[in-house]
Every structure is written in structure tokens, then in C-alpha cells.
C-alpha atoms as a PDB file:
ATOM      1  CA  MET A   1       0.000   0.000   0.000  1.00  0.00           C
ATOM      2  CA  THR A   2       1.325   3.427  -0.919  1.00  0.00           C
ATOM      3  CA  PHE A   3       0.296   6.850   0.339  1.00  0.00           C
ATOM      4  CA  LYS A   4       0.407  10.187  -1.370  1.00  0.00           C
ATOM      5  CA  ALA A   5      -0.505  13.697  -0.177  1.00  0.00           C
ATOM      6  CA  ILE A   6      -2.458  15.570  -2.847  1.00  0.00           C
ATOM      7  CA  LEU A   7      -4.177  18.927  -3.262  1.00  0.00           C
ATOM      8  CA  ARG A   8      -7.621  18.615  -4.838  1.00  0.00           C
ATOM      9  CA  LYS A   9      -7.536  21.274  -7.543  1.00  0.00           C
ATOM     10  CA  ASP A  10     -11.019  20.316  -8.746  1.00  0.00           C
ATOM     11  CA  VAL A  11     -12.499  21.724  -5.507  1.00  0.00           C
ATOM     12  CA  ILE A  12     -11.867  25.418  -4.818  1.00  0.00           C
ATOM     13  CA  TYR A  13     -13.449  27.144  -1.814  1.00  0.00           C
ATOM     14  CA  LYS A  14     -14.648  30.760  -1.761  1.00  0.00           C
ATOM     15  CA  ASN A  15     -11.412  31.855  -0.071  1.00  0.00           C
ATOM     16  CA  ASN A  16      -9.384  30.421  -3.018  1.00  0.00           C
ATOM     17  CA  THR A  17      -8.048  27.428  -1.099  1.00  0.00           C
ATOM     18  CA  SER A  18      -8.321  23.724  -1.926  1.00  0.00           C
ATOM     19  CA  PRO A  19      -8.490  20.735   0.425  1.00  0.00           C
ATOM     20  CA  LEU A  20      -5.496  18.536   1.185  1.00  0.00           C
ATOM     21  CA  CYS A  21      -6.088  14.792   0.998  1.00  0.00           C
ATOM     22  CA  ILE A  22      -4.244  11.526   1.385  1.00  0.00           C
ATOM     23  CA  GLN A  23      -4.558   9.112  -1.509  1.00  0.00           C
ATOM     24  CA  PHE A  24      -4.195   5.411  -0.726  1.00  0.00           C
ATOM     25  CA  LEU A  25      -3.216   2.987  -3.500  1.00  0.00           C
ATOM     26  CA  HIS A  26      -3.467  -0.767  -3.004  1.00  0.00           C
ATOM     27  CA  ASP A  27      -3.864  -3.590  -5.557  1.00  0.00           C
ATOM     28  CA  GLY A  28      -4.956  -1.196  -8.297  1.00  0.00           C
ATOM     29  CA  ARG A  29      -7.582   0.457  -6.097  1.00  0.00           C
ATOM     30  CA  LYS A  30      -7.476   4.107  -5.113  1.00  0.00           C
ATOM     31  CA  LYS A  31      -9.160   5.899  -2.206  1.00  0.00           C
ATOM     32  CA  THR A  32      -8.870   9.560  -1.265  1.00  0.00           C
ATOM     33  CA  ILE A  33      -9.541  10.812   2.262  1.00  0.00           C
ATOM     34  CA  GLY A  34      -9.695  14.495   3.179  1.00  0.00           C
ATOM     35  CA  LEU A  35      -7.560  15.788   6.022  1.00  0.00           C
ATOM     36  CA  GLY A  36      -9.678  18.790   6.940  1.00  0.00           C
ATOM     37  CA  ILE A  37      -6.865  21.142   5.906  1.00  0.00           C
ATOM     38  CA  SER A  38      -7.027  23.581   3.017  1.00  0.00           C
ATOM     39  CA  VAL A  39      -4.278  25.615   1.374  1.00  0.00           C
ATOM     40  CA  ALA A  40      -3.978  27.975  -1.595  1.00  0.00           C
ATOM     41  CA  CYS A  41      -2.841  26.284  -4.803  1.00  0.00           C
ATOM     42  CA  ALA A  42       0.103  28.671  -5.100  1.00  0.00           C
ATOM     43  CA  TYR A  43       1.524  27.374  -1.812  1.00  0.00           C
ATOM     44  CA  TRP A  44       1.430  23.635  -2.652  1.00  0.00           C
ATOM     45  CA  ASN A  45       4.429  21.756  -4.090  1.00  0.00           C
ATOM     46  CA  ALA A  46       3.015  18.606  -5.713  1.00  0.00           C
ATOM     47  CA  GLU A  47       6.378  16.940  -6.339  1.00  0.00           C
ATOM     48  CA  ALA A  48       7.557  17.277  -2.729  1.00  0.00           C
ATOM     49  CA  GLN A  49       4.009  16.751  -1.376  1.00  0.00           C
ATOM     50  CA  LYS A  50       4.293  19.659   1.049  1.00  0.00           C
ATOM     51  CA  VAL A  51       3.575  23.363   1.332  1.00  0.00           C
ATOM     52  CA  THR A  52       6.112  25.831  -0.033  1.00  0.00           C
ATOM     53  CA  ASP A  53       8.479  27.847   2.140  1.00  0.00           C
ATOM     54  CA  ASP A  54       6.690  31.154   1.461  1.00  0.00           C
ATOM     55  CA  CYS A  55       3.315  29.943   2.793  1.00  0.00           C
ATOM     56  CA  PRO A  56       2.175  32.214   5.671  1.00  0.00           C
ATOM     57  CA  ASP A  57       0.993  29.322   7.889  1.00  0.00           C
ATOM     58  CA  ARG A  58       3.533  26.757   6.659  1.00  0.00           C
ATOM     59  CA  ASP A  59       4.663  25.297   9.989  1.00  0.00           C
ATOM     60  CA  ASN A  60       1.145  24.707  11.268  1.00  0.00           C
ATOM     61  CA  ILE A  61      -0.120  23.168   8.002  1.00  0.00           C
ATOM     62  CA  GLN A  62       2.943  20.955   7.584  1.00  0.00           C
ATOM     63  CA  PHE A  63       2.639  19.744  11.193  1.00  0.00           C
ATOM     64  CA  GLN A  64      -1.058  18.883  10.721  1.00  0.00           C
ATOM     65  CA  LEU A  65      -0.358  17.151   7.415  1.00  0.00           C
ATOM     66  CA  LYS A  66       2.434  15.057   8.905  1.00  0.00           C
ATOM     67  CA  SER A  67       0.584  14.110  12.086  1.00  0.00           C
ATOM     68  CA  ARG A  68      -2.670  13.194  10.331  1.00  0.00           C
ATOM     69  CA  SER A  69      -0.982  11.217   7.585  1.00  0.00           C
ATOM     70  CA  THR A  70       1.080   9.291  10.146  1.00  0.00           C
ATOM     71  CA  ALA A  71      -2.043   8.407  12.118  1.00  0.00           C
ATOM     72  CA  ARG A  72      -3.833   7.213   8.992  1.00  0.00           C
ATOM     73  CA  LYS A  73      -0.878   5.061   7.883  1.00  0.00           C
ATOM     74  CA  SER A  74      -1.193   2.730  10.842  1.00  0.00           C
ATOM     75  CA  SER A  75      -1.957  -0.879   9.995  1.00  0.00           C
ATOM     76  CA  GLY A  76      -5.451  -0.723  11.497  1.00  0.00           C
ATOM     77  CA  TRP A  77      -6.606   1.665   8.764  1.00  0.00           C
ATOM     78  CA  LYS A  78      -5.903  -0.800   5.968  1.00  0.00           C
ATOM     79  CA  ARG A  79      -8.996  -2.874   6.680  1.00  0.00           C
ATOM     80  CA  TRP A  80     -11.129   0.258   7.054  1.00  0.00           C
ATOM     81  CA  ILE A  81      -9.939   1.865   3.825  1.00  0.00           C
ATOM     82  CA  PHE A  82     -10.237  -1.216   1.603  1.00  0.00           C
ATOM     83  CA  PRO A  83     -12.787  -3.590   3.159  1.00  0.00           C
END
């Protein structure tokens, strides 16, 4: 199973931010789960899967992204994500 942090560019809120999600890939199946964090598209680096250095709230967003993705990567989530 692989994990990937993505910014959903197809969803743009009124404040010009988009939600951050974790995408799970396993045996050809894909599932995306929102993290409850949103960031402006200009501040997202898709290759590095993190916010850019010039983001005003970078430390807080990066901390939330890391802590939530680590919690979701635990082995107990595998059965919940792909029943």
C-alpha cells in the first residue's frame, strides 16, 4: 500500500483554497480521504508533497499534514480503507 498527499484542484473554496487529501493505493484500487486542511494552490508543491516555504501558515499546516498522515498510515486503517 502506498500513500500520497495531494491537493484537490477540482475543488476550490470561496477563499481560493483547496483541500489537502491523502490518496491510498493498493492492488490497483485508489481511495482519497480528506484531512480537513485547506491551502492555496500557489503554496502547494506537488512533487515534494508539502507546502512551499513562502506559505504564511507553513509550519502549522505541515505539522497537521504530517501528524494526520502518520495516524492514517497505521496498519489498522488498511482494513477500514479497503474492506
